[in-house]
Amino acid sequence: MRILLHSPKDMIAGVLAFAAVSAIITNALFLQAGRHPSPMFGSVVAVPATGKVAGPLRRPRPVDAI
């Protein structure tokens, strides 16, 4: 208890910071109605796996007759 009361300004700043963080988390988790219009998580984008690096298309080299 002596550590907390050593600097009252630091204790008040810590309580205010904790209250602000608690308010933000409570708002984000419980007070928002519905889903977010553009969710960051939970949406899966299907990207076709071609195995090639995207770039300009080139014609294959002709096979030289030996």
C-alpha atoms as a PDB file:
ATOM      1  CA  MET A   1       0.000   0.000   0.000  1.00  0.00           C
ATOM      2  CA  ARG A   2       2.918   2.305   0.718  1.00  0.00           C
ATOM      3  CA  ILE A   3       4.112   1.922  -2.908  1.00  0.00           C
ATOM      4  CA  LEU A   4       0.714   2.983  -4.280  1.00  0.00           C
ATOM      5  CA  LEU A   5       0.480   6.040  -2.054  1.00  0.00           C
ATOM      6  CA  HIS A   6       4.096   7.109  -2.611  1.00  0.00           C
ATOM      7  CA  SER A   7       3.143   9.127  -5.684  1.00  0.00           C
ATOM      8  CA  PRO A   8      -0.573  10.005  -5.843  1.00  0.00           C
ATOM      9  CA  LYS A   9      -0.201  11.490  -9.347  1.00  0.00           C
ATOM     10  CA  ASP A  10       1.088   8.189 -10.706  1.00  0.00           C
ATOM     11  CA  MET A  11      -1.724   6.284  -9.002  1.00  0.00           C
ATOM     12  CA  ILE A  12      -4.370   8.614 -10.463  1.00  0.00           C
ATOM     13  CA  ALA A  13      -2.787   8.332 -13.926  1.00  0.00           C
ATOM     14  CA  GLY A  14      -2.748   4.543 -13.640  1.00  0.00           C
ATOM     15  CA  VAL A  15      -6.405   4.426 -12.558  1.00  0.00           C
ATOM     16  CA  LEU A  16      -7.418   6.705 -15.443  1.00  0.00           C
ATOM     17  CA  ALA A  17      -5.446   4.605 -17.945  1.00  0.00           C
ATOM     18  CA  PHE A  18      -7.032   1.407 -16.621  1.00  0.00           C
ATOM     19  CA  ALA A  19     -10.503   2.980 -16.815  1.00  0.00           C
ATOM     20  CA  ALA A  20      -9.891   4.112 -20.418  1.00  0.00           C
ATOM     21  CA  VAL A  21      -8.668   0.674 -21.510  1.00  0.00           C
ATOM     22  CA  SER A  22     -11.598  -0.990 -19.739  1.00  0.00           C
ATOM     23  CA  ALA A  23     -14.076   1.353 -21.437  1.00  0.00           C
ATOM     24  CA  ILE A  24     -12.590   0.659 -24.876  1.00  0.00           C
ATOM     25  CA  ILE A  25     -12.662  -3.116 -24.396  1.00  0.00           C
ATOM     26  CA  THR A  26     -16.215  -3.020 -23.001  1.00  0.00           C
ATOM     27  CA  ASN A  27     -17.358  -0.904 -25.947  1.00  0.00           C
ATOM     28  CA  ALA A  28     -15.698  -3.188 -28.480  1.00  0.00           C
ATOM     29  CA  LEU A  29     -17.001  -6.435 -27.012  1.00  0.00           C
ATOM     30  CA  PHE A  30     -20.438  -5.672 -25.604  1.00  0.00           C
ATOM     31  CA  LEU A  31     -21.849  -2.348 -26.821  1.00  0.00           C
ATOM     32  CA  GLN A  32     -21.513  -2.711 -30.596  1.00  0.00           C
ATOM     33  CA  ALA A  33     -24.712  -3.743 -32.381  1.00  0.00           C
ATOM     34  CA  GLY A  34     -24.230  -6.192 -35.249  1.00  0.00           C
ATOM     35  CA  ARG A  35     -21.124  -7.033 -37.196  1.00  0.00           C
ATOM     36  CA  HIS A  36     -18.462  -4.613 -38.298  1.00  0.00           C
ATOM     37  CA  PRO A  37     -18.982  -3.483 -41.912  1.00  0.00           C
ATOM     38  CA  SER A  38     -15.491  -4.612 -42.883  1.00  0.00           C
ATOM     39  CA  PRO A  39     -14.255  -7.281 -40.473  1.00  0.00           C
ATOM     40  CA  MET A  40     -10.519  -7.782 -40.211  1.00  0.00           C
ATOM     41  CA  PHE A  41     -10.790 -11.400 -39.113  1.00  0.00           C
ATOM     42  CA  GLY A  42     -13.090 -14.212 -40.170  1.00  0.00           C
ATOM     43  CA  SER A  43     -13.297 -13.459 -43.874  1.00  0.00           C
ATOM     44  CA  VAL A  44     -11.561 -15.885 -46.177  1.00  0.00           C
ATOM     45  CA  VAL A  45     -10.489 -14.801 -49.633  1.00  0.00           C
ATOM     46  CA  ALA A  46      -9.979 -17.641 -52.092  1.00  0.00           C
ATOM     47  CA  VAL A  47      -6.830 -17.070 -54.120  1.00  0.00           C
ATOM     48  CA  PRO A  48      -6.247 -19.560 -56.929  1.00  0.00           C
ATOM     49  CA  ALA A  49      -2.997 -21.435 -56.424  1.00  0.00           C
ATOM     50  CA  THR A  50      -1.215 -21.536 -59.768  1.00  0.00           C
ATOM     51  CA  GLY A  51       2.306 -22.172 -58.530  1.00  0.00           C
ATOM     52  CA  LYS A  52       3.665 -19.538 -60.900  1.00  0.00           C
ATOM     53  CA  VAL A  53       4.853 -16.036 -60.238  1.00  0.00           C
ATOM     54  CA  ALA A  54       2.564 -13.469 -61.811  1.00  0.00           C
ATOM     55  CA  GLY A  55       4.336 -11.608 -64.554  1.00  0.00           C
ATOM     56  CA  PRO A  56       4.343 -11.017 -68.284  1.00  0.00           C
ATOM     57  CA  LEU A  57       3.468 -14.029 -70.417  1.00  0.00           C
ATOM     58  CA  ARG A  58       6.332 -15.204 -72.604  1.00  0.00           C
ATOM     59  CA  ARG A  59       6.349 -17.608 -75.501  1.00  0.00           C
ATOM     60  CA  PRO A  60       8.350 -20.787 -74.918  1.00  0.00           C
ATOM     61  CA  ARG A  61      11.709 -20.986 -76.613  1.00  0.00           C
ATOM     62  CA  PRO A  62      11.749 -23.038 -79.811  1.00  0.00           C
ATOM     63  CA  VAL A  63      13.483 -26.385 -79.577  1.00  0.00           C
ATOM     64  CA  ASP A  64      16.602 -26.390 -81.741  1.00  0.00           C
ATOM     65  CA  ALA A  65      16.980 -29.407 -84.011  1.00  0.00           C
ATOM     66  CA  ILE A  66      20.321 -31.053 -83.397  1.00  0.00           C
END
